[in-house]
Amino acid sequence: MKVCIGYRIHEGPWGGGNSFVSSLTTALRQVGHEVVPDLADGDVDIILMVDPRSRLPNVTIGASHILRYLAFRNSRAVVVHRINECDERKGTRTMNHRLRLANYCADHTVFVGAWLRELPIWKSHPPRASSVIHNGSDTSVFNPVGFQAWDGREPLRLVTHHWGANWMKGFDVYTRIDAMLAEPAWHDRFAFTYIGNLPAGFRFRNARYLEPLDGSALADELRAHHGYVTASLNEPGGNHQNEGALCGLPLLYRNSGCLPEYCDKFGVAFDGPEDFPVALSRYIGQYHGLAALMPAYPHTSERCTAAWIKLLDNLLARRNEIVAIRRIWRNPLRFVFNQIPF
């Protein structure tokens, strides 16, 4: 089959969406499928819209392109919309409604977390058909080869990494961690490294900071630590916790968004800066038991891409049924509104 993935892969550190497209493109080609980045060809079988914001530099197609393609060039293409965004993650007000508008073109919708599908915008306006496929990371890069678990004597080295610099990535907790490193009760017990972008004007006082890393350089740095912490609020379905966990690091995670789905049984949860010290103490006490569980962490790119290929194969097999019930002009105003790029 010929699959159009509406995203141009960026080399180097560029966030979880970039990693997903790269992994899925490789997996599809390995099993003999053709992958193209746009709708220049009139014989595309599957269209995957990974982000409807067609003005973004890496996005090659949005709902406007897809609807015109279906209406005027190839009505037999099946459209899949991958949703990994929401207003809740960054405190915005328009993203959910824009995603719902763009979803008008989709035959099937894939959410990267069950939490995301349960948001009010999707409960009140459910997609025509949907499923949940969790993200996964590449085990050829993110693996425990060279990782050494904490010995219980030296300071516990914690690490996190984020591409996004929004405050809701967890900087209320990271600020608390930074302050704890100066407290007599804690400063000899653990260390903390932050890798990635920072909010404008933000600086750590006591934590170690590194610019964004990618690939093997990132994996090597993660493996130089003992544990992984993520404090992201309303995370739709990140890859950062997967990368840390697959490197062997037990997880210390915020009870928010998709994180419980991805991290349950492989770490200790906390709610925010207030209970983080208590959670850290509990994590220290459970560390060795958690470290022994990490080889079973399931969220790999192999598992993720296998689920995606199975879904796409199934949709293609059902193409006649899907196309027969599709009504591209069922709401002419939505068709027209989707021609306005965002």
C-alpha atoms as a PDB file:
ATOM      1  CA  MET A   1       0.000   0.000   0.000  1.00  0.00           C
ATOM      2  CA  LYS A   2       1.017   3.606  -0.485  1.00  0.00           C
ATOM      3  CA  VAL A   3       0.870   5.680   2.686  1.00  0.00           C
ATOM      4  CA  CYS A   4       1.079   9.450   2.808  1.00  0.00           C
ATOM      5  CA  ILE A   5       2.376  10.698   6.157  1.00  0.00           C
ATOM      6  CA  GLY A   6       1.895  14.444   6.240  1.00  0.00           C
ATOM      7  CA  TYR A   7       5.106  15.298   8.014  1.00  0.00           C
ATOM      8  CA  ARG A   8       8.682  16.025   6.952  1.00  0.00           C
ATOM      9  CA  ILE A   9      11.222  14.325   9.253  1.00  0.00           C
ATOM     10  CA  HIS A  10      13.740  16.635  10.899  1.00  0.00           C
ATOM     11  CA  GLU A  11      17.230  15.385  11.675  1.00  0.00           C
ATOM     12  CA  GLY A  12      18.311  15.915  15.276  1.00  0.00           C
ATOM     13  CA  PRO A  13      16.301  16.680  18.425  1.00  0.00           C
ATOM     14  CA  TRP A  14      12.795  17.750  17.432  1.00  0.00           C
ATOM     15  CA  GLY A  15      10.268  16.221  19.826  1.00  0.00           C
ATOM     16  CA  GLY A  16       8.213  13.051  20.046  1.00  0.00           C
ATOM     17  CA  GLY A  17       6.136  13.547  16.897  1.00  0.00           C
ATOM     18  CA  ASN A  18       9.292  13.590  14.803  1.00  0.00           C
ATOM     19  CA  SER A  19      10.481  10.340  16.415  1.00  0.00           C
ATOM     20  CA  PHE A  20       7.116   8.697  15.779  1.00  0.00           C
ATOM     21  CA  VAL A  21       7.069   9.554  12.068  1.00  0.00           C
ATOM     22  CA  SER A  22      10.659   8.409  11.636  1.00  0.00           C
ATOM     23  CA  SER A  23       9.985   5.043  13.319  1.00  0.00           C
ATOM     24  CA  LEU A  24       6.707   4.396  11.499  1.00  0.00           C
ATOM     25  CA  THR A  25       8.187   5.342   8.110  1.00  0.00           C
ATOM     26  CA  THR A  26      11.058   2.893   8.625  1.00  0.00           C
ATOM     27  CA  ALA A  27       8.734   0.115   9.793  1.00  0.00           C
ATOM     28  CA  LEU A  28       6.343   0.549   6.857  1.00  0.00           C
ATOM     29  CA  ARG A  29       9.148   0.447   4.327  1.00  0.00           C
ATOM     30  CA  GLN A  30      10.686  -2.614   5.961  1.00  0.00           C
ATOM     31  CA  VAL A  31       7.524  -4.614   5.255  1.00  0.00           C
ATOM     32  CA  GLY A  32       7.288  -3.390   1.664  1.00  0.00           C
ATOM     33  CA  HIS A  33       4.920  -0.435   1.872  1.00  0.00           C
ATOM     34  CA  GLU A  34       5.596   2.849   0.096  1.00  0.00           C
ATOM     35  CA  VAL A  35       5.659   6.076   2.120  1.00  0.00           C
ATOM     36  CA  VAL A  36       5.306   9.540   0.582  1.00  0.00           C
ATOM     37  CA  PRO A  37       5.320  12.946   2.338  1.00  0.00           C
ATOM     38  CA  ASP A  38       2.530  14.688   0.427  1.00  0.00           C
ATOM     39  CA  LEU A  39      -0.461  14.219  -1.871  1.00  0.00           C
ATOM     40  CA  ALA A  40       1.278  14.833  -5.188  1.00  0.00           C
ATOM     41  CA  ASP A  41       0.331  11.294  -6.289  1.00  0.00           C
ATOM     42  CA  GLY A  42      -3.252  10.407  -7.091  1.00  0.00           C
ATOM     43  CA  ASP A  43      -3.043   6.785  -5.962  1.00  0.00           C
ATOM     44  CA  VAL A  44      -2.441   7.076  -2.214  1.00  0.00           C
ATOM     45  CA  ASP A  45      -4.191   4.335  -0.212  1.00  0.00           C
ATOM     46  CA  ILE A  46      -3.835   5.694   3.329  1.00  0.00           C
ATOM     47  CA  ILE A  47      -3.438   9.302   4.451  1.00  0.00           C
ATOM     48  CA  LEU A  48      -2.065   9.842   7.945  1.00  0.00           C
ATOM     49  CA  MET A  49      -2.573  13.347   9.326  1.00  0.00           C
ATOM     50  CA  VAL A  50      -0.183  13.624  12.256  1.00  0.00           C
ATOM     51  CA  ASP A  51      -0.775  17.342  12.803  1.00  0.00           C
ATOM     52  CA  PRO A  52      -3.395  19.538  11.057  1.00  0.00           C
ATOM     53  CA  ARG A  53      -1.375  22.724  11.624  1.00  0.00           C
ATOM     54  CA  SER A  54      -0.203  23.026   8.038  1.00  0.00           C
ATOM     55  CA  ARG A  55       1.662  26.269   8.715  1.00  0.00           C
ATOM     56  CA  LEU A  56       4.210  24.440  10.879  1.00  0.00           C
ATOM     57  CA  PRO A  57       7.501  23.922   9.023  1.00  0.00           C
ATOM     58  CA  ASN A  58       7.498  20.114   9.244  1.00  0.00           C
ATOM     59  CA  VAL A  59       3.806  19.592   8.429  1.00  0.00           C
ATOM     60  CA  THR A  60       3.181  18.872   4.740  1.00  0.00           C
ATOM     61  CA  ILE A  61      -0.604  18.395   4.659  1.00  0.00           C
ATOM     62  CA  GLY A  62      -3.577  19.494   6.739  1.00  0.00           C
ATOM     63  CA  ALA A  63      -7.310  18.866   6.614  1.00  0.00           C
ATOM     64  CA  SER A  64      -7.744  21.342   3.745  1.00  0.00           C
ATOM     65  CA  HIS A  65      -5.388  19.383   1.486  1.00  0.00           C
ATOM     66  CA  ILE A  66      -6.967  16.064   2.458  1.00  0.00           C
ATOM     67  CA  LEU A  67     -10.545  17.163   1.846  1.00  0.00           C
ATOM     68  CA  ARG A  68      -9.723  18.571  -1.584  1.00  0.00           C
ATOM     69  CA  TYR A  69      -7.813  15.404  -2.435  1.00  0.00           C
ATOM     70  CA  LEU A  70     -10.773  13.215  -1.462  1.00  0.00           C
ATOM     71  CA  ALA A  71     -13.293  15.428  -3.242  1.00  0.00           C
ATOM     72  CA  PHE A  72     -11.490  16.014  -6.503  1.00  0.00           C
ATOM     73  CA  ARG A  73      -8.675  13.466  -6.987  1.00  0.00           C
ATOM     74  CA  ASN A  74      -8.993  10.223  -5.052  1.00  0.00           C
ATOM     75  CA  SER A  75     -12.137   9.437  -3.096  1.00  0.00           C
ATOM     76  CA  ARG A  76     -10.869   5.948  -2.196  1.00  0.00           C
ATOM     77  CA  ALA A  77      -8.047   7.023   0.116  1.00  0.00           C
ATOM     78  CA  VAL A  78      -8.649   6.196   3.791  1.00  0.00           C
ATOM     79  CA  VAL A  79      -7.812   8.978   6.257  1.00  0.00           C
ATOM     80  CA  VAL A  80      -6.354   8.433   9.730  1.00  0.00           C
ATOM     81  CA  HIS A  81      -5.942  11.313  12.191  1.00  0.00           C
ATOM     82  CA  ARG A  82      -3.361  10.852  14.959  1.00  0.00           C
ATOM     83  CA  ILE A  83      -4.120  13.057  17.968  1.00  0.00           C
ATOM     84  CA  ASN A  84      -1.352  13.849  20.438  1.00  0.00           C
ATOM     85  CA  GLU A  85      -2.281  17.407  21.401  1.00  0.00           C
ATOM     86  CA  CYS A  86      -4.835  19.217  23.551  1.00  0.00           C
ATOM     87  CA  ASP A  87      -5.441  22.574  25.177  1.00  0.00           C
ATOM     88  CA  GLU A  88      -4.925  21.055  28.608  1.00  0.00           C
ATOM     89  CA  ARG A  89      -1.212  20.437  28.091  1.00  0.00           C
ATOM     90  CA  LYS A  90      -0.264  24.095  27.555  1.00  0.00           C
ATOM     91  CA  GLY A  91      -3.194  26.064  28.911  1.00  0.00           C
ATOM     92  CA  THR A  92      -4.348  27.148  25.437  1.00  0.00           C
ATOM     93  CA  ARG A  93      -7.981  27.683  24.412  1.00  0.00           C
ATOM     94  CA  THR A  94      -8.355  26.827  20.724  1.00  0.00           C
ATOM     95  CA  MET A  95      -6.388  23.636  20.039  1.00  0.00           C
ATOM     96  CA  ASN A  96      -9.149  21.172  20.984  1.00  0.00           C
ATOM     97  CA  HIS A  97     -11.708  22.875  18.756  1.00  0.00           C
ATOM     98  CA  ARG A  98      -9.248  23.102  15.875  1.00  0.00           C
ATOM     99  CA  LEU A  99      -8.432  19.419  16.206  1.00  0.00           C
ATOM    100  CA  ARG A 100     -12.136  18.569  16.247  1.00  0.00           C
ATOM    101  CA  LEU A 101     -12.714  20.673  13.140  1.00  0.00           C
ATOM    102  CA  ALA A 102      -9.832  18.982  11.316  1.00  0.00           C
ATOM    103  CA  ASN A 103     -11.120  15.593  12.454  1.00  0.00           C
ATOM    104  CA  TYR A 104     -14.016  16.102  10.032  1.00  0.00           C
ATOM    105  CA  CYS A 105     -11.832  14.582   7.293  1.00  0.00           C
ATOM    106  CA  ALA A 106     -10.905  11.447   9.253  1.00  0.00           C
ATOM    107  CA  ASP A 107     -12.266   7.945   8.793  1.00  0.00           C
ATOM    108  CA  HIS A 108     -10.411   6.704  11.861  1.00  0.00           C
ATOM    109  CA  THR A 109      -8.802   8.546  14.779  1.00  0.00           C
ATOM    110  CA  VAL A 110      -5.878   7.307  16.853  1.00  0.00           C
ATOM    111  CA  PHE A 111      -5.257   8.796  20.290  1.00  0.00           C
ATOM    112  CA  VAL A 112      -1.833   8.352  21.880  1.00  0.00           C
ATOM    113  CA  GLY A 113      -3.401   7.928  25.313  1.00  0.00           C
ATOM    114  CA  ALA A 114      -6.760   6.815  26.689  1.00  0.00           C
ATOM    115  CA  TRP A 115      -6.710   9.915  28.913  1.00  0.00           C
ATOM    116  CA  LEU A 116      -6.711  12.068  25.783  1.00  0.00           C
ATOM    117  CA  ARG A 117      -9.737  10.299  24.310  1.00  0.00           C
ATOM    118  CA  GLU A 118     -11.664  10.875  27.563  1.00  0.00           C
ATOM    119  CA  LEU A 119     -11.352  14.667  27.424  1.00  0.00           C
ATOM    120  CA  PRO A 120     -14.733  16.481  27.278  1.00  0.00           C
ATOM    121  CA  ILE A 121     -14.170  17.699  23.701  1.00  0.00           C
ATOM    122  CA  TRP A 122     -14.021  14.107  22.433  1.00  0.00           C
ATOM    123  CA  LYS A 123     -16.640  12.687  24.783  1.00  0.00           C
ATOM    124  CA  SER A 124     -19.168  15.234  23.548  1.00  0.00           C
ATOM    125  CA  HIS A 125     -18.064  15.013  19.894  1.00  0.00           C
ATOM    126  CA  PRO A 126     -16.681  11.484  19.411  1.00  0.00           C
ATOM    127  CA  PRO A 127     -14.835  10.637  16.184  1.00  0.00           C
ATOM    128  CA  ARG A 128     -16.490   8.308  13.690  1.00  0.00           C
ATOM    129  CA  ALA A 129     -14.171   5.467  14.791  1.00  0.00           C
ATOM    130  CA  SER A 130     -11.193   5.553  17.142  1.00  0.00           C
ATOM    131  CA  SER A 131      -8.550   3.552  18.940  1.00  0.00           C
ATOM    132  CA  VAL A 132      -5.644   4.134  21.331  1.00  0.00           C
ATOM    133  CA  ILE A 133      -2.065   3.301  20.349  1.00  0.00           C
ATOM    134  CA  HIS A 134       0.555   4.252  22.903  1.00  0.00           C
ATOM    135  CA  ASN A 135       3.812   5.776  21.745  1.00  0.00           C
ATOM    136  CA  GLY A 136       7.033   3.813  21.948  1.00  0.00           C
ATOM    137  CA  SER A 137      10.748   4.496  21.660  1.00  0.00           C
ATOM    138  CA  ASP A 138      13.510   2.875  19.636  1.00  0.00           C
ATOM    139  CA  THR A 139      15.241   0.116  21.613  1.00  0.00           C
ATOM    140  CA  SER A 140      18.205   0.090  19.237  1.00  0.00           C
ATOM    141  CA  VAL A 141      19.032   3.488  20.740  1.00  0.00           C
ATOM    142  CA  PHE A 142      17.258   3.570  24.102  1.00  0.00           C
ATOM    143  CA  ASN A 143      18.305   0.409  25.905  1.00  0.00           C
ATOM    144  CA  PRO A 144      20.001  -0.464  29.216  1.00  0.00           C
ATOM    145  CA  VAL A 145      23.368  -1.486  27.722  1.00  0.00           C
ATOM    146  CA  GLY A 146      25.890   0.249  29.976  1.00  0.00           C
ATOM    147  CA  PHE A 147      23.334   1.333  32.582  1.00  0.00           C
ATOM    148  CA  GLN A 148      24.315   0.776  36.200  1.00  0.00           C
ATOM    149  CA  ALA A 149      21.616   0.795  38.851  1.00  0.00           C
ATOM    150  CA  TRP A 150      22.058   2.920  41.955  1.00  0.00           C
ATOM    151  CA  ASP A 151      24.199   1.239  44.616  1.00  0.00           C
ATOM    152  CA  GLY A 152      22.398   2.940  47.496  1.00  0.00           C
ATOM    153  CA  ARG A 153      25.562   4.667  48.730  1.00  0.00           C
ATOM    154  CA  GLU A 154      26.358   7.513  46.328  1.00  0.00           C
ATOM    155  CA  PRO A 155      23.840  10.294  45.675  1.00  0.00           C
ATOM    156  CA  LEU A 156      20.907   9.149  43.541  1.00  0.00           C
ATOM    157  CA  ARG A 157      21.238  10.774  40.109  1.00  0.00           C
ATOM    158  CA  LEU A 158      17.869  11.776  38.631  1.00  0.00           C
ATOM    159  CA  VAL A 159      17.359  13.091  35.104  1.00  0.00           C
ATOM    160  CA  THR A 160      14.606  14.383  32.849  1.00  0.00           C
ATOM    161  CA  HIS A 161      14.432  15.773  29.319  1.00  0.00           C
ATOM    162  CA  HIS A 162      11.893  17.797  27.355  1.00  0.00           C
ATOM    163  CA  TRP A 163      11.902  19.339  23.898  1.00  0.00           C
ATOM    164  CA  GLY A 164       9.046  21.717  24.743  1.00  0.00           C
ATOM    165  CA  ALA A 165       9.793  24.717  26.947  1.00  0.00           C
ATOM    166  CA  ASN A 166       6.266  25.346  28.230  1.00  0.00           C
ATOM    167  CA  TRP A 167       6.008  25.863  31.997  1.00  0.00           C
ATOM    168  CA  MET A 168       3.489  23.019  32.182  1.00  0.00           C
ATOM    169  CA  LYS A 169       6.200  20.556  31.233  1.00  0.00           C
ATOM    170  CA  GLY A 170       6.657  20.392  34.993  1.00  0.00           C
ATOM    171  CA  PHE A 171       8.710  23.401  35.965  1.00  0.00           C
ATOM    172  CA  ASP A 172       6.776  23.912  39.206  1.00  0.00           C
ATOM    173  CA  VAL A 173       8.189  20.559  40.333  1.00  0.00           C
ATOM    174  CA  TYR A 174      11.609  21.080  38.741  1.00  0.00           C
ATOM    175  CA  THR A 175      11.841  24.374  40.639  1.00  0.00           C
ATOM    176  CA  ARG A 176      11.047  22.487  43.857  1.00  0.00           C
ATOM    177  CA  ILE A 177      13.718  19.906  43.048  1.00  0.00           C
ATOM    178  CA  ASP A 178      16.220  22.677  42.390  1.00  0.00           C
ATOM    179  CA  ALA A 179      15.459  24.173  45.823  1.00  0.00           C
ATOM    180  CA  MET A 180      15.677  20.752  47.536  1.00  0.00           C
ATOM    181  CA  LEU A 181      19.221  20.341  46.247  1.00  0.00           C
ATOM    182  CA  ALA A 182      20.243  23.250  48.503  1.00  0.00           C
ATOM    183  CA  GLU A 183      18.483  21.888  51.599  1.00  0.00           C
ATOM    184  CA  PRO A 184      20.695  20.148  54.206  1.00  0.00           C
ATOM    185  CA  ALA A 185      18.299  17.192  54.400  1.00  0.00           C
ATOM    186  CA  TRP A 186      18.632  16.499  50.663  1.00  0.00           C
ATOM    187  CA  HIS A 187      21.721  17.998  49.058  1.00  0.00           C
ATOM    188  CA  ASP A 188      23.909  14.934  49.722  1.00  0.00           C
ATOM    189  CA  ARG A 189      21.199  12.405  48.881  1.00  0.00           C
ATOM    190  CA  PHE A 190      20.452  13.109  45.224  1.00  0.00           C
ATOM    191  CA  ALA A 191      21.396  15.105  42.132  1.00  0.00           C
ATOM    192  CA  PHE A 192      19.270  16.279  39.211  1.00  0.00           C
ATOM    193  CA  THR A 193      20.028  16.896  35.522  1.00  0.00           C
ATOM    194  CA  TYR A 194      17.659  18.673  33.147  1.00  0.00           C
ATOM    195  CA  ILE A 195      18.194  18.128  29.404  1.00  0.00           C
ATOM    196  CA  GLY A 196      16.318  20.257  26.883  1.00  0.00           C
ATOM    197  CA  ASN A 197      14.757  23.649  26.373  1.00  0.00           C
ATOM    198  CA  LEU A 198      13.793  26.011  29.188  1.00  0.00           C
ATOM    199  CA  PRO A 199      11.048  28.621  29.569  1.00  0.00           C
ATOM    200  CA  ALA A 200      12.199  32.118  28.689  1.00  0.00           C
ATOM    201  CA  GLY A 201      14.201  33.608  31.545  1.00  0.00           C
ATOM    202  CA  PHE A 202      14.269  30.405  33.599  1.00  0.00           C
ATOM    203  CA  ARG A 203      17.556  29.227  35.115  1.00  0.00           C
ATOM    204  CA  PHE A 204      18.437  26.445  37.523  1.00  0.00           C
ATOM    205  CA  ARG A 205      20.483  27.381  40.583  1.00  0.00           C
ATOM    206  CA  ASN A 206      21.599  23.963  41.773  1.00  0.00           C
ATOM    207  CA  ALA A 207      20.631  21.420  39.124  1.00  0.00           C
ATOM    208  CA  ARG A 208      22.817  20.470  36.177  1.00  0.00           C
ATOM    209  CA  TYR A 209      21.526  21.726  32.825  1.00  0.00           C
ATOM    210  CA  LEU A 210      22.275  20.434  29.319  1.00  0.00           C
ATOM    211  CA  GLU A 211      21.108  21.660  25.915  1.00  0.00           C
ATOM    212  CA  PRO A 212      18.733  19.338  23.985  1.00  0.00           C
ATOM    213  CA  LEU A 213      20.260  16.010  22.982  1.00  0.00           C
ATOM    214  CA  ASP A 214      19.067  13.371  20.554  1.00  0.00           C
ATOM    215  CA  GLY A 215      19.691   9.759  19.626  1.00  0.00           C
ATOM    216  CA  SER A 216      22.714   7.951  21.038  1.00  0.00           C
ATOM    217  CA  ALA A 217      24.053  11.084  22.756  1.00  0.00           C
ATOM    218  CA  LEU A 218      20.784  11.411  24.671  1.00  0.00           C
ATOM    219  CA  ALA A 219      20.648   7.700  25.496  1.00  0.00           C
ATOM    220  CA  ASP A 220      24.238   7.748  26.800  1.00  0.00           C
ATOM    221  CA  GLU A 221      23.429  10.695  29.036  1.00  0.00           C
ATOM    222  CA  LEU A 222      20.257   9.044  30.375  1.00  0.00           C
ATOM    223  CA  ARG A 223      22.166   5.845  31.175  1.00  0.00           C
ATOM    224  CA  ALA A 224      24.677   7.886  33.188  1.00  0.00           C
ATOM    225  CA  HIS A 225      21.880   8.445  35.725  1.00  0.00           C
ATOM    226  CA  HIS A 226      20.005   6.158  38.100  1.00  0.00           C
ATOM    227  CA  GLY A 227      16.393   7.287  37.832  1.00  0.00           C
ATOM    228  CA  TYR A 228      14.059   9.244  35.588  1.00  0.00           C
ATOM    229  CA  VAL A 229      11.610  11.913  36.753  1.00  0.00           C
ATOM    230  CA  THR A 230       8.812  13.492  34.733  1.00  0.00           C
ATOM    231  CA  ALA A 231       6.585  16.213  36.161  1.00  0.00           C
ATOM    232  CA  SER A 232       4.716  17.099  32.972  1.00  0.00           C
ATOM    233  CA  LEU A 233       1.134  18.281  33.461  1.00  0.00           C
ATOM    234  CA  ASN A 234      -1.626  16.884  31.235  1.00  0.00           C
ATOM    235  CA  GLU A 235       0.844  15.096  29.004  1.00  0.00           C
ATOM    236  CA  PRO A 236      -1.090  13.672  26.018  1.00  0.00           C
ATOM    237  CA  GLY A 237       1.358  10.861  25.247  1.00  0.00           C
ATOM    238  CA  GLY A 238       5.009  11.790  25.446  1.00  0.00           C
ATOM    239  CA  ASN A 239       8.041   9.722  24.518  1.00  0.00           C
ATOM    240  CA  HIS A 240      10.390  11.130  27.124  1.00  0.00           C
ATOM    241  CA  GLN A 241       9.357   8.718  29.876  1.00  0.00           C
ATOM    242  CA  ASN A 242       9.659   5.811  27.429  1.00  0.00           C
ATOM    243  CA  GLU A 243      13.223   6.765  26.546  1.00  0.00           C
ATOM    244  CA  GLY A 244      14.247   6.951  30.185  1.00  0.00           C
ATOM    245  CA  ALA A 245      12.519   3.713  31.137  1.00  0.00           C
ATOM    246  CA  LEU A 246      13.950   1.746  28.217  1.00  0.00           C
ATOM    247  CA  CYS A 247      17.422   2.840  29.297  1.00  0.00           C
ATOM    248  CA  GLY A 248      16.729   1.028  32.579  1.00  0.00           C
ATOM    249  CA  LEU A 249      15.803   3.982  34.805  1.00  0.00           C
ATOM    250  CA  PRO A 250      12.884   3.483  37.221  1.00  0.00           C
ATOM    251  CA  LEU A 251      10.289   6.229  36.887  1.00  0.00           C
ATOM    252  CA  LEU A 252       9.233   8.957  39.288  1.00  0.00           C
ATOM    253  CA  TYR A 253       6.188  10.427  37.574  1.00  0.00           C
ATOM    254  CA  ARG A 254       3.402  12.934  38.014  1.00  0.00           C
ATOM    255  CA  ASN A 255      -0.098  11.547  38.404  1.00  0.00           C
ATOM    256  CA  SER A 256      -1.377  13.598  35.467  1.00  0.00           C
ATOM    257  CA  GLY A 257      -2.437  13.142  31.868  1.00  0.00           C
ATOM    258  CA  CYS A 258      -1.276   9.967  30.175  1.00  0.00           C
ATOM    259  CA  LEU A 259       1.647   9.374  32.522  1.00  0.00           C
ATOM    260  CA  PRO A 260      -0.138   6.837  34.762  1.00  0.00           C
ATOM    261  CA  GLU A 261      -0.989   4.811  31.612  1.00  0.00           C
ATOM    262  CA  TYR A 262       2.639   4.697  30.545  1.00  0.00           C
ATOM    263  CA  CYS A 263       4.372   4.497  33.925  1.00  0.00           C
ATOM    264  CA  ASP A 264       2.154   2.358  36.168  1.00  0.00           C
ATOM    265  CA  LYS A 265       4.037  -0.564  37.777  1.00  0.00           C
ATOM    266  CA  PHE A 266       7.395   0.887  36.721  1.00  0.00           C
ATOM    267  CA  GLY A 267       7.729   3.762  39.168  1.00  0.00           C
ATOM    268  CA  VAL A 268       6.335   5.927  41.945  1.00  0.00           C
ATOM    269  CA  ALA A 269       3.691   8.602  41.368  1.00  0.00           C
ATOM    270  CA  PHE A 270       3.373  12.077  42.873  1.00  0.00           C
ATOM    271  CA  ASP A 271       0.803  14.851  42.455  1.00  0.00           C
ATOM    272  CA  GLY A 272       2.925  17.989  42.468  1.00  0.00           C
ATOM    273  CA  PRO A 273       5.657  19.973  44.234  1.00  0.00           C
ATOM    274  CA  GLU A 274       4.018  19.572  47.646  1.00  0.00           C
ATOM    275  CA  ASP A 275       4.205  15.781  47.805  1.00  0.00           C
ATOM    276  CA  PHE A 276       7.317  15.318  45.671  1.00  0.00           C
ATOM    277  CA  PRO A 277       9.702  14.955  48.664  1.00  0.00           C
ATOM    278  CA  VAL A 278       7.510  12.211  50.148  1.00  0.00           C
ATOM    279  CA  ALA A 279       7.344  10.451  46.784  1.00  0.00           C
ATOM    280  CA  LEU A 280      11.120  10.709  46.411  1.00  0.00           C
ATOM    281  CA  SER A 281      11.610   9.066  49.798  1.00  0.00           C
ATOM    282  CA  ARG A 282       9.247   6.280  48.776  1.00  0.00           C
ATOM    283  CA  TYR A 283      11.049   5.939  45.441  1.00  0.00           C
ATOM    284  CA  ILE A 284      14.407   5.589  47.215  1.00  0.00           C
ATOM    285  CA  GLY A 285      12.959   2.835  49.394  1.00  0.00           C
ATOM    286  CA  GLN A 286      11.512   0.954  46.401  1.00  0.00           C
ATOM    287  CA  TYR A 287      14.312   1.652  43.959  1.00  0.00           C
ATOM    288  CA  HIS A 288      15.917  -1.782  43.715  1.00  0.00           C
ATOM    289  CA  GLY A 289      12.619  -3.586  43.289  1.00  0.00           C
ATOM    290  CA  LEU A 290      11.601  -1.162  40.538  1.00  0.00           C
ATOM    291  CA  ALA A 291      14.975  -1.442  38.794  1.00  0.00           C
ATOM    292  CA  ALA A 292      14.479  -5.196  38.532  1.00  0.00           C
ATOM    293  CA  LEU A 293      11.175  -4.623  36.669  1.00  0.00           C
ATOM    294  CA  MET A 294      12.469  -2.220  34.020  1.00  0.00           C
ATOM    295  CA  PRO A 295      13.489  -4.845  31.395  1.00  0.00           C
ATOM    296  CA  ALA A 296       9.754  -5.584  31.023  1.00  0.00           C
ATOM    297  CA  TYR A 297       8.832  -1.978  30.166  1.00  0.00           C
ATOM    298  CA  PRO A 298       6.505  -2.390  27.159  1.00  0.00           C
ATOM    299  CA  HIS A 299       6.405   0.959  25.339  1.00  0.00           C
ATOM    300  CA  THR A 300       8.816   0.323  22.482  1.00  0.00           C
ATOM    301  CA  SER A 301       8.722   1.641  18.924  1.00  0.00           C
ATOM    302  CA  GLU A 302       8.555  -1.968  17.698  1.00  0.00           C
ATOM    303  CA  ARG A 303       5.335  -2.560  19.587  1.00  0.00           C
ATOM    304  CA  CYS A 304       3.938   0.847  18.589  1.00  0.00           C
ATOM    305  CA  THR A 305       4.681   0.535  14.871  1.00  0.00           C
ATOM    306  CA  ALA A 306       3.401  -3.063  14.781  1.00  0.00           C
ATOM    307  CA  ALA A 307       0.073  -1.826  16.171  1.00  0.00           C
ATOM    308  CA  TRP A 308      -0.012   0.965  13.599  1.00  0.00           C
ATOM    309  CA  ILE A 309       0.719  -1.342  10.671  1.00  0.00           C
ATOM    310  CA  LYS A 310      -1.939  -3.782  11.864  1.00  0.00           C
ATOM    311  CA  LEU A 311      -4.455  -0.927  12.019  1.00  0.00           C
ATOM    312  CA  LEU A 312      -3.551   0.412   8.563  1.00  0.00           C
ATOM    313  CA  ASP A 313      -3.732  -3.067   7.035  1.00  0.00           C
ATOM    314  CA  ASN A 314      -7.156  -3.549   8.607  1.00  0.00           C
ATOM    315  CA  LEU A 315      -8.437  -0.192   7.364  1.00  0.00           C
ATOM    316  CA  LEU A 316      -7.210  -0.908   3.856  1.00  0.00           C
ATOM    317  CA  ALA A 317      -8.934  -4.297   3.890  1.00  0.00           C
ATOM    318  CA  ARG A 318     -12.164  -2.506   4.889  1.00  0.00           C
ATOM    319  CA  ARG A 319     -11.727   0.342   2.407  1.00  0.00           C
ATOM    320  CA  ASN A 320     -14.878  -0.364   0.389  1.00  0.00           C
ATOM    321  CA  GLU A 321     -16.984  -0.367   3.555  1.00  0.00           C
ATOM    322  CA  ILE A 322     -15.352   2.809   4.884  1.00  0.00           C
ATOM    323  CA  VAL A 323     -15.669   4.745   1.626  1.00  0.00           C
ATOM    324  CA  ALA A 324     -19.288   3.646   1.173  1.00  0.00           C
ATOM    325  CA  ILE A 325     -20.409   5.267   4.428  1.00  0.00           C
ATOM    326  CA  ARG A 326     -18.264   8.397   4.125  1.00  0.00           C
ATOM    327  CA  ARG A 327     -20.120  11.592   3.216  1.00  0.00           C
ATOM    328  CA  ILE A 328     -17.467  14.157   2.389  1.00  0.00           C
ATOM    329  CA  TRP A 329     -20.083  16.915   1.893  1.00  0.00           C
ATOM    330  CA  ARG A 330     -22.226  15.963   4.906  1.00  0.00           C
ATOM    331  CA  ASN A 331     -21.514  19.365   6.431  1.00  0.00           C
ATOM    332  CA  PRO A 332     -20.530  21.855   3.710  1.00  0.00           C
ATOM    333  CA  LEU A 333     -19.685  24.556   6.267  1.00  0.00           C
ATOM    334  CA  ARG A 334     -17.142  22.303   7.989  1.00  0.00           C
ATOM    335  CA  PHE A 335     -15.663  21.461   4.609  1.00  0.00           C
ATOM    336  CA  VAL A 336     -15.285  25.179   3.885  1.00  0.00           C
ATOM    337  CA  PHE A 337     -14.022  26.122   7.361  1.00  0.00           C
ATOM    338  CA  ASN A 338     -11.316  23.476   7.020  1.00  0.00           C
ATOM    339  CA  GLN A 339      -9.946  25.351   4.009  1.00  0.00           C
ATOM    340  CA  ILE A 340      -8.696  28.044   6.409  1.00  0.00           C
ATOM    341  CA  PRO A 341      -5.156  26.930   7.378  1.00  0.00           C
ATOM    342  CA  PHE A 342      -3.931  27.104  10.958  1.00  0.00           C
END
